[in-house]
Amino acid sequence: MKPATNITVILLMLIAIAHLLRLLFRVEIVANGVVIPMWASVLAFIIPAVLAIMVWRENRDHQVWSGK
């Protein structure tokens, strides 16, 4: 994998894990007096996790076909 791809996958997974931990520990987040709902972290977990998996799989499949 290229370094940029590795960094992208790692950052997306860290974002997903952070939101998963927020859900598990039920951490309340307040931004400018507004409570951020838990369902926002559900989406913020699923979307980056799926994107990270897609980038990782696409790169892995590309390496298999190119012989690298």
Protein backbone atom coordinates (compact mmCIF):
# COMPACT_ATOMS: atom_id res chain seq x y z
CA MET A 1 0.00 0.00 0.00
CA LYS A 2 1.10 3.54 -0.64
CA PRO A 3 1.86 5.61 2.46
CA ALA A 4 -1.02 8.03 1.77
CA THR A 5 -3.44 5.11 1.53
CA ASN A 6 -2.17 3.68 4.81
CA ILE A 7 -2.54 7.03 6.55
CA THR A 8 -6.06 7.47 5.16
CA VAL A 9 -7.18 4.04 6.34
CA ILE A 10 -5.65 4.57 9.79
CA LEU A 11 -7.21 8.02 10.23
CA LEU A 12 -10.65 6.84 9.11
CA MET A 13 -10.49 3.88 11.50
CA LEU A 14 -9.37 6.14 14.39
CA ILE A 15 -12.35 8.41 13.75
CA ALA A 16 -14.69 5.42 13.68
CA ILE A 17 -13.20 3.98 16.89
CA ALA A 18 -13.50 7.35 18.66
CA HIS A 19 -17.21 7.51 17.85
CA LEU A 20 -17.71 3.89 18.85
CA LEU A 21 -16.10 4.64 22.21
CA ARG A 22 -18.40 7.64 22.62
CA LEU A 23 -21.36 5.34 22.07
CA LEU A 24 -20.11 2.63 24.43
CA PHE A 25 -19.25 5.02 27.26
CA ARG A 26 -22.21 7.33 26.58
CA VAL A 27 -20.09 10.49 26.56
CA GLU A 28 -22.16 13.65 26.23
CA ILE A 29 -20.71 16.23 23.84
CA VAL A 30 -21.81 19.85 24.01
CA ALA A 31 -20.80 22.28 21.27
CA ASN A 32 -21.69 25.93 21.82
CA GLY A 33 -24.43 24.94 24.26
CA VAL A 34 -25.97 22.37 21.91
CA VAL A 35 -25.90 18.71 22.92
CA ILE A 36 -24.76 16.51 20.03
CA PRO A 37 -27.13 13.53 19.81
CA MET A 38 -25.86 9.96 20.06
CA TRP A 39 -27.33 9.05 16.67
CA ALA A 40 -24.80 11.42 15.10
CA SER A 41 -22.02 9.20 16.45
CA VAL A 42 -23.73 6.14 14.99
CA LEU A 43 -23.43 7.72 11.55
CA ALA A 44 -19.95 9.04 12.34
CA PHE A 45 -18.92 5.48 13.23
CA ILE A 46 -20.46 3.69 10.26
CA ILE A 47 -19.46 6.06 7.46
CA PRO A 48 -15.69 6.33 8.19
CA ALA A 49 -15.47 2.60 9.01
CA VAL A 50 -17.09 1.65 5.71
CA LEU A 51 -14.90 4.11 3.79
CA ALA A 52 -11.74 2.74 5.46
CA ILE A 53 -12.71 -0.83 4.61
CA MET A 54 -13.51 0.14 1.02
CA VAL A 55 -10.17 1.92 0.54
CA TRP A 56 -8.28 -0.97 2.13
CA ARG A 57 -10.06 -3.60 0.03
CA GLU A 58 -9.70 -1.61 -3.19
CA ASN A 59 -5.98 -1.23 -2.63
CA ARG A 60 -5.58 -4.88 -1.66
CA ASP A 61 -7.49 -6.05 -4.75
CA HIS A 62 -5.41 -3.74 -6.94
CA GLN A 63 -2.19 -5.24 -5.55
CA VAL A 64 -3.38 -8.79 -6.23
CA TRP A 65 -4.22 -8.00 -9.86
CA SER A 66 -1.06 -6.00 -10.52
CA GLY A 67 1.19 -8.66 -9.05
CA LYS A 68 2.70 -6.42 -6.37
